[in-house]
Amino acid sequence: MHLHRVCTALLWVFLNCQVNAQIDAGRTLMIEETVHRPTYYNKAHKSSAHVDYNPQLLALRDAKPKKEPRVALPSFDPKTDLSYYVNVLDRGSVICAGALISRRMVVTSSRCFLPQPTEPTREFKAEDLRVVTGKDFADGAHKTSQVIAFYMPVEKEAGKGVHNIALLALEQKLQRGAYRYIPLYSRLPPKGTPVTMSFVDHQSHDITLYESKVLSNESCKQTYEDYGKIHLPFNEEFFCVANRKKAGCSTRPGDPLIIENKLAGINLYGELCDELKEGRKADVYYSLRHSVPFIQRSTDLLRAFTKSGPYNSSATTPRTTLYP
């Protein structure tokens, strides 16, 4: 045992002398580690996230080129970024318009999913729904995207009317940059506010932007109810826009309404030209500012439903119903 200690001390003196000799000669001694150190395994991390301390592998890891930062896209412009406007198809037939509000979410009018008099028991299923963006049908490509689920908010007052809007969740995200979605407008437009109606012209089949203005609720209510037409609950969630001769009867449920290049509302009923007297045309829109919490909850549900991103597992969604 005493001999072992003596040998260890002599070895340490020898190595120390060698290192000092290298330093004295103006050189640095590099001791390369070739043994793989055991990694610390944390069950909270995936195995792919464990670090391998082998020097060669660490050098290769650090030598990988970093991803280029994303180039900021130019401001959204509905005149050129046509993909915000979508057609909603059920079993291959267009039933409604809509607006793309993210690369995976479309907002439209819930009136598109009401049973028709000829089919009172008709049910709509996500597997039968697809959307085609304005970019694709403008180019004649007619490329469609499958819907994986759609959402509707629960009525605030049971038995009074139907849902106002619906959200359609796409199965796959649309390609960033190639498809632009429209940002949301956060205010309720008062009477006289300049707006842009967006619709597909029934003759040219082109996406048309028509400048108009917001009407007073009193004027809009008189336009519809004085002639014994539909009853509208003119509360704070609704507003009307003048539909002059140029817009004709081309508007449809789900058509976007634009203010400052942002989505301010969704057309609820579409054209009602045949039901109203000449010169008294108006379109009814639902303000999107009232649906931001619903949109956020629905997006959270989509991530949980598809396991495609983070979501709040403890959040409750009392006003949200999922229709797979």
Protein backbone atom coordinates (compact mmCIF):
# COMPACT_ATOMS: atom_id res chain seq x y z
CA MET A 1 0.00 0.00 0.00
CA HIS A 2 2.88 2.34 0.88
CA LEU A 3 4.57 1.49 -2.45
CA HIS A 4 1.35 2.33 -4.35
CA ARG A 5 1.22 5.79 -2.78
CA VAL A 6 4.84 6.44 -3.64
CA CYS A 7 4.30 5.45 -7.31
CA THR A 8 1.20 7.67 -7.57
CA ALA A 9 3.10 10.66 -6.20
CA LEU A 10 6.01 10.10 -8.60
CA LEU A 11 3.56 9.87 -11.55
CA TRP A 12 1.91 13.12 -10.55
CA VAL A 13 5.33 14.86 -10.30
CA PHE A 14 6.27 13.54 -13.74
CA LEU A 15 3.07 14.79 -15.40
CA ASN A 16 3.36 18.17 -13.69
CA CYS A 17 6.90 18.53 -14.98
CA GLN A 18 5.79 17.69 -18.52
CA VAL A 19 3.05 20.31 -18.45
CA ASN A 20 5.42 22.94 -17.05
CA ALA A 21 7.96 22.07 -19.73
CA GLN A 22 5.32 22.60 -22.47
CA ILE A 23 4.26 25.94 -20.97
CA ASP A 24 7.88 27.05 -20.64
CA ALA A 25 8.40 26.28 -24.31
CA GLY A 26 5.51 28.62 -25.22
CA ARG A 27 3.13 25.82 -26.16
CA THR A 28 -0.23 24.75 -24.76
CA LEU A 29 -0.92 21.14 -23.96
CA MET A 30 -4.36 19.98 -25.20
CA ILE A 31 -5.73 16.77 -23.72
CA GLU A 32 -8.49 15.47 -26.02
CA GLU A 33 -11.33 13.62 -24.41
CA THR A 34 -12.46 10.65 -26.48
CA VAL A 35 -14.57 8.91 -23.88
CA HIS A 36 -18.33 9.50 -24.07
CA ARG A 37 -19.58 10.90 -20.79
CA PRO A 38 -22.82 9.42 -19.46
CA THR A 39 -25.70 11.86 -19.99
CA TYR A 40 -28.14 12.95 -17.34
CA TYR A 41 -31.54 11.51 -18.29
CA ASN A 42 -34.47 13.66 -17.31
CA LYS A 43 -37.80 11.95 -17.88
CA ALA A 44 -39.36 15.33 -18.62
CA HIS A 45 -37.20 15.60 -21.74
CA LYS A 46 -37.41 13.54 -24.89
CA SER A 47 -34.48 11.22 -25.57
CA SER A 48 -33.72 13.22 -28.70
CA ALA A 49 -33.03 16.25 -26.48
CA HIS A 50 -30.27 14.56 -24.45
CA VAL A 51 -26.80 15.99 -25.02
CA ASP A 52 -23.98 13.77 -26.26
CA TYR A 53 -20.74 15.17 -24.83
CA ASN A 54 -18.47 13.46 -27.35
CA PRO A 55 -16.22 16.34 -28.59
CA GLN A 56 -16.49 15.36 -32.26
CA LEU A 57 -20.30 15.24 -32.11
CA LEU A 58 -20.44 18.54 -30.24
CA ALA A 59 -18.26 20.13 -32.92
CA LEU A 60 -20.57 18.83 -35.65
CA ARG A 61 -23.60 20.13 -33.75
CA ASP A 62 -22.15 23.60 -33.38
CA ALA A 63 -21.04 23.67 -37.01
CA LYS A 64 -24.60 23.30 -38.33
CA PRO A 65 -25.75 26.46 -40.12
CA LYS A 66 -28.39 28.40 -38.26
CA LYS A 67 -31.79 28.90 -39.82
CA GLU A 68 -32.26 32.15 -41.64
CA PRO A 69 -34.62 34.53 -39.82
CA ARG A 70 -38.10 34.75 -41.31
CA VAL A 71 -38.58 37.57 -43.75
CA ALA A 72 -41.46 39.79 -42.68
CA LEU A 73 -44.36 39.68 -45.11
CA PRO A 74 -45.67 42.96 -46.53
CA SER A 75 -48.86 44.41 -45.08
CA PHE A 76 -52.02 42.55 -46.06
CA ASP A 77 -53.78 43.97 -49.14
CA PRO A 78 -57.16 42.51 -50.21
CA LYS A 79 -56.61 43.77 -53.75
CA THR A 80 -53.69 41.39 -54.29
CA ASP A 81 -53.82 38.85 -51.43
CA LEU A 82 -56.89 37.06 -52.77
CA SER A 83 -56.50 33.93 -50.65
CA TYR A 84 -58.34 35.57 -47.74
CA TYR A 85 -61.64 35.07 -49.61
CA VAL A 86 -62.87 31.46 -49.69
CA ASN A 87 -65.71 29.42 -51.10
CA VAL A 88 -67.16 26.76 -48.80
CA LEU A 89 -68.12 23.50 -50.53
CA ASP A 90 -70.41 20.77 -49.27
CA ARG A 91 -70.09 17.53 -51.22
CA GLY A 92 -68.50 19.47 -54.07
CA SER A 93 -71.11 22.25 -54.32
CA VAL A 94 -70.50 25.85 -53.21
CA ILE A 95 -72.87 26.70 -50.35
CA CYS A 96 -71.29 29.80 -48.84
CA ALA A 97 -68.45 32.31 -48.79
CA GLY A 98 -66.01 32.86 -45.94
CA ALA A 99 -62.81 34.54 -44.80
CA LEU A 100 -59.45 32.97 -43.98
CA ILE A 101 -58.41 34.31 -40.54
CA SER A 102 -55.38 32.06 -40.00
CA ARG A 103 -53.56 29.50 -42.13
CA ARG A 104 -55.94 26.88 -40.77
CA MET A 105 -59.17 28.62 -39.73
CA VAL A 106 -62.07 30.00 -41.81
CA VAL A 107 -64.97 32.07 -40.48
CA THR A 108 -68.34 32.06 -42.23
CA SER A 109 -72.06 32.55 -41.59
CA SER A 110 -73.81 29.79 -39.65
CA ARG A 111 -76.85 30.27 -41.93
CA CYS A 112 -74.97 28.17 -44.47
CA PHE A 113 -75.60 25.12 -42.30
CA LEU A 114 -79.33 25.51 -41.74
CA PRO A 115 -81.53 22.67 -43.10
CA GLN A 116 -83.23 23.56 -46.36
CA PRO A 117 -87.03 23.18 -46.83
CA THR A 118 -86.37 20.40 -49.34
CA GLU A 119 -84.03 18.62 -46.88
CA PRO A 120 -85.30 19.36 -43.35
CA THR A 121 -83.27 16.56 -41.76
CA ARG A 122 -80.04 17.33 -43.57
CA GLU A 123 -76.91 17.17 -41.39
CA PHE A 124 -73.60 18.77 -42.26
CA LYS A 125 -70.39 16.88 -41.52
CA ALA A 126 -66.81 18.09 -41.60
CA GLU A 127 -65.80 15.17 -43.80
CA ASP A 128 -68.14 16.50 -46.53
CA LEU A 129 -66.81 20.08 -46.35
CA ARG A 130 -63.93 21.61 -48.26
CA VAL A 131 -62.81 25.16 -48.99
CA VAL A 132 -61.16 26.74 -52.02
CA THR A 133 -59.36 30.07 -51.58
CA GLY A 134 -59.78 33.06 -53.86
CA LYS A 135 -56.16 32.66 -54.92
CA ASP A 136 -56.89 29.21 -56.31
CA PHE A 137 -60.24 29.76 -57.99
CA ALA A 138 -58.98 33.08 -59.43
CA ASP A 139 -56.12 31.15 -61.07
CA GLY A 140 -58.47 28.42 -62.24
CA ALA A 141 -56.64 25.86 -60.10
CA HIS A 142 -59.66 24.96 -57.94
CA LYS A 143 -57.37 23.40 -55.37
CA THR A 144 -59.46 22.50 -52.32
CA SER A 145 -58.58 21.98 -48.66
CA GLN A 146 -60.32 19.41 -46.47
CA VAL A 147 -62.18 20.55 -43.35
CA ILE A 148 -61.43 18.50 -40.24
CA ALA A 149 -63.94 20.10 -37.82
CA PHE A 150 -66.29 23.03 -37.50
CA TYR A 151 -67.34 25.00 -34.47
CA MET A 152 -70.34 27.12 -33.47
CA PRO A 153 -70.84 29.21 -30.32
CA VAL A 154 -73.72 28.18 -28.08
CA GLU A 155 -76.65 30.59 -28.08
CA LYS A 156 -76.61 33.16 -25.29
CA GLU A 157 -80.38 32.83 -24.96
CA ALA A 158 -81.72 29.35 -25.55
CA GLY A 159 -84.41 29.04 -28.19
CA LYS A 160 -83.88 32.49 -29.71
CA GLY A 161 -82.63 32.30 -33.26
CA VAL A 162 -79.59 30.34 -34.43
CA HIS A 163 -75.86 30.70 -34.22
CA ASN A 164 -74.46 33.72 -36.06
CA ILE A 165 -71.08 32.50 -37.27
CA ALA A 166 -69.23 29.23 -37.70
CA LEU A 167 -65.53 28.40 -37.79
CA LEU A 168 -64.15 25.78 -40.17
CA ALA A 169 -60.84 24.14 -39.20
CA LEU A 170 -58.71 22.87 -42.08
CA GLU A 171 -56.99 19.51 -41.91
CA GLN A 172 -53.62 21.01 -42.90
CA LYS A 173 -52.11 24.47 -42.56
CA LEU A 174 -51.91 26.44 -45.79
CA GLN A 175 -48.43 27.33 -47.00
CA ARG A 176 -47.03 30.45 -45.36
CA GLY A 177 -46.46 33.30 -47.79
CA ALA A 178 -48.36 31.64 -50.63
CA TYR A 179 -51.66 32.03 -48.74
CA ARG A 180 -52.41 35.22 -46.80
CA TYR A 181 -55.12 35.47 -44.17
CA ILE A 182 -56.89 38.66 -43.17
CA PRO A 183 -56.30 40.21 -39.72
CA LEU A 184 -59.27 41.05 -37.48
CA TYR A 185 -60.69 44.53 -36.93
CA SER A 186 -61.11 45.17 -33.21
CA ARG A 187 -63.80 47.88 -33.15
CA LEU A 188 -67.52 48.16 -33.89
CA PRO A 189 -67.99 50.60 -36.80
CA PRO A 190 -70.44 53.44 -36.06
CA LYS A 191 -72.88 54.93 -38.55
CA GLY A 192 -71.19 56.50 -41.57
CA THR A 193 -67.96 54.50 -41.30
CA PRO A 194 -66.44 53.83 -44.77
CA VAL A 195 -66.28 50.08 -45.43
CA THR A 196 -65.37 47.73 -48.28
CA MET A 197 -67.81 45.00 -49.24
CA SER A 198 -66.10 41.90 -50.62
CA PHE A 199 -68.03 39.46 -52.81
CA VAL A 200 -67.81 37.42 -56.00
CA ASP A 201 -69.54 39.11 -58.93
CA HIS A 202 -72.22 36.74 -60.24
CA GLN A 203 -71.40 37.66 -63.85
CA SER A 204 -67.60 37.94 -64.00
CA HIS A 205 -67.00 35.50 -61.08
CA ASP A 206 -64.22 37.83 -59.90
CA ILE A 207 -63.66 38.89 -56.30
CA THR A 208 -65.08 42.42 -56.19
CA LEU A 209 -64.33 45.17 -53.67
CA TYR A 210 -67.13 47.72 -53.39
CA GLU A 211 -66.85 50.87 -51.29
CA SER A 212 -69.85 51.64 -49.11
CA LYS A 213 -70.73 52.90 -45.62
CA VAL A 214 -72.39 51.74 -42.41
CA LEU A 215 -76.09 52.58 -41.99
CA SER A 216 -77.88 53.34 -38.76
CA ASN A 217 -79.61 50.38 -37.12
CA GLU A 218 -82.89 52.28 -37.23
CA SER A 219 -82.68 52.73 -40.99
CA CYS A 220 -81.72 49.09 -41.53
CA LYS A 221 -84.49 47.84 -39.26
CA GLN A 222 -87.04 49.89 -41.19
CA THR A 223 -85.70 48.55 -44.48
CA TYR A 224 -86.46 44.98 -43.48
CA GLU A 225 -89.30 45.05 -40.99
CA ASP A 226 -91.54 47.71 -42.55
CA TYR A 227 -92.17 45.35 -45.44
CA GLY A 228 -92.93 42.32 -43.29
CA LYS A 229 -89.66 40.57 -44.05
CA ILE A 230 -87.27 38.85 -41.66
CA HIS A 231 -87.02 39.91 -38.04
CA LEU A 232 -83.54 41.00 -37.04
CA PRO A 233 -82.33 41.41 -33.44
CA PHE A 234 -80.54 44.73 -33.96
CA ASN A 235 -78.30 44.53 -30.93
CA GLU A 236 -74.67 45.58 -30.58
CA GLU A 237 -73.39 42.54 -32.47
CA PHE A 238 -75.09 43.52 -35.75
CA PHE A 239 -74.68 46.39 -38.16
CA CYS A 240 -75.89 47.17 -41.68
CA VAL A 241 -74.15 48.37 -44.82
CA ALA A 242 -75.75 50.13 -47.78
CA ASN A 243 -75.95 47.88 -50.84
CA ARG A 244 -76.31 50.16 -53.85
CA LYS A 245 -76.98 49.27 -57.47
CA LYS A 246 -73.35 48.49 -58.31
CA ALA A 247 -73.19 45.68 -55.76
CA GLY A 248 -76.42 44.28 -57.18
CA CYS A 249 -77.54 40.94 -55.80
CA SER A 250 -74.13 39.30 -55.68
CA THR A 251 -73.52 39.20 -51.92
CA ARG A 252 -73.72 35.85 -50.13
CA PRO A 253 -73.71 34.59 -46.54
CA GLY A 254 -70.13 34.54 -45.30
CA ASP A 255 -68.91 37.44 -47.44
CA PRO A 256 -66.20 39.45 -45.65
CA LEU A 257 -66.56 43.13 -44.79
CA ILE A 258 -63.28 45.03 -44.70
CA ILE A 259 -62.21 48.14 -42.80
CA GLU A 260 -58.61 49.37 -43.03
CA ASN A 261 -57.63 46.08 -44.73
CA LYS A 262 -58.95 44.10 -41.74
CA LEU A 263 -61.96 41.82 -41.31
CA ALA A 264 -64.69 43.78 -39.52
CA GLY A 265 -67.71 41.58 -40.16
CA ILE A 266 -69.26 38.55 -41.83
CA ASN A 267 -72.36 38.78 -44.03
CA LEU A 268 -75.16 36.84 -42.32
CA TYR A 269 -77.89 36.56 -44.94
CA GLY A 270 -76.41 37.47 -48.31
CA GLU A 271 -78.47 39.04 -51.08
CA LEU A 272 -82.07 39.93 -50.32
CA CYS A 273 -82.64 42.01 -53.43
CA ASP A 274 -85.78 40.19 -54.52
CA GLU A 275 -87.41 40.75 -51.15
CA LEU A 276 -86.87 44.48 -50.70
CA LYS A 277 -88.14 47.49 -52.58
CA GLU A 278 -85.92 49.14 -55.18
CA GLY A 279 -83.46 51.56 -53.63
CA ARG A 280 -83.78 50.15 -50.10
CA LYS A 281 -81.10 47.46 -50.17
CA ALA A 282 -78.91 46.71 -47.17
CA ASP A 283 -76.70 43.85 -46.05
CA VAL A 284 -76.56 42.69 -42.43
CA TYR A 285 -73.15 41.88 -40.93
CA TYR A 286 -72.06 40.31 -37.67
CA SER A 287 -69.18 42.14 -35.96
CA LEU A 288 -66.10 39.94 -35.50
CA ARG A 289 -64.96 41.89 -32.43
CA HIS A 290 -67.51 39.95 -30.37
CA SER A 291 -66.09 36.58 -31.43
CA VAL A 292 -62.41 36.91 -30.52
CA PRO A 293 -62.71 34.78 -27.30
CA PHE A 294 -64.69 32.15 -29.25
CA ILE A 295 -62.04 32.09 -31.99
CA GLN A 296 -59.28 31.69 -29.40
CA ARG A 297 -61.07 28.82 -27.64
CA SER A 298 -61.80 27.11 -30.94
CA THR A 299 -58.15 27.36 -31.98
CA ASP A 300 -57.17 25.87 -28.61
CA LEU A 301 -59.62 23.01 -29.20
CA LEU A 302 -58.21 22.41 -32.67
CA ARG A 303 -54.67 22.06 -31.30
CA ALA A 304 -55.88 19.63 -28.65
CA PHE A 305 -58.05 17.73 -31.12
CA THR A 306 -55.24 17.29 -33.67
CA LYS A 307 -52.28 17.32 -31.21
CA SER A 308 -50.70 19.92 -33.47
CA GLY A 309 -49.61 22.49 -30.90
CA PRO A 310 -49.77 23.75 -27.32
CA TYR A 311 -53.15 24.20 -25.68
CA ASN A 312 -54.59 24.97 -22.26
CA SER A 313 -55.81 21.61 -20.93
CA SER A 314 -57.47 23.22 -17.92
CA ALA A 315 -59.53 25.77 -19.84
CA THR A 316 -63.28 25.35 -20.02
CA THR A 317 -65.27 26.08 -23.16
CA PRO A 318 -68.89 26.53 -22.06
CA ARG A 319 -69.86 28.42 -25.21
CA THR A 320 -68.06 26.20 -27.69
CA THR A 321 -69.32 23.02 -29.29
CA LEU A 322 -67.24 20.76 -31.50
CA TYR A 323 -68.88 19.03 -34.43
CA PRO A 324 -66.47 16.35 -35.76
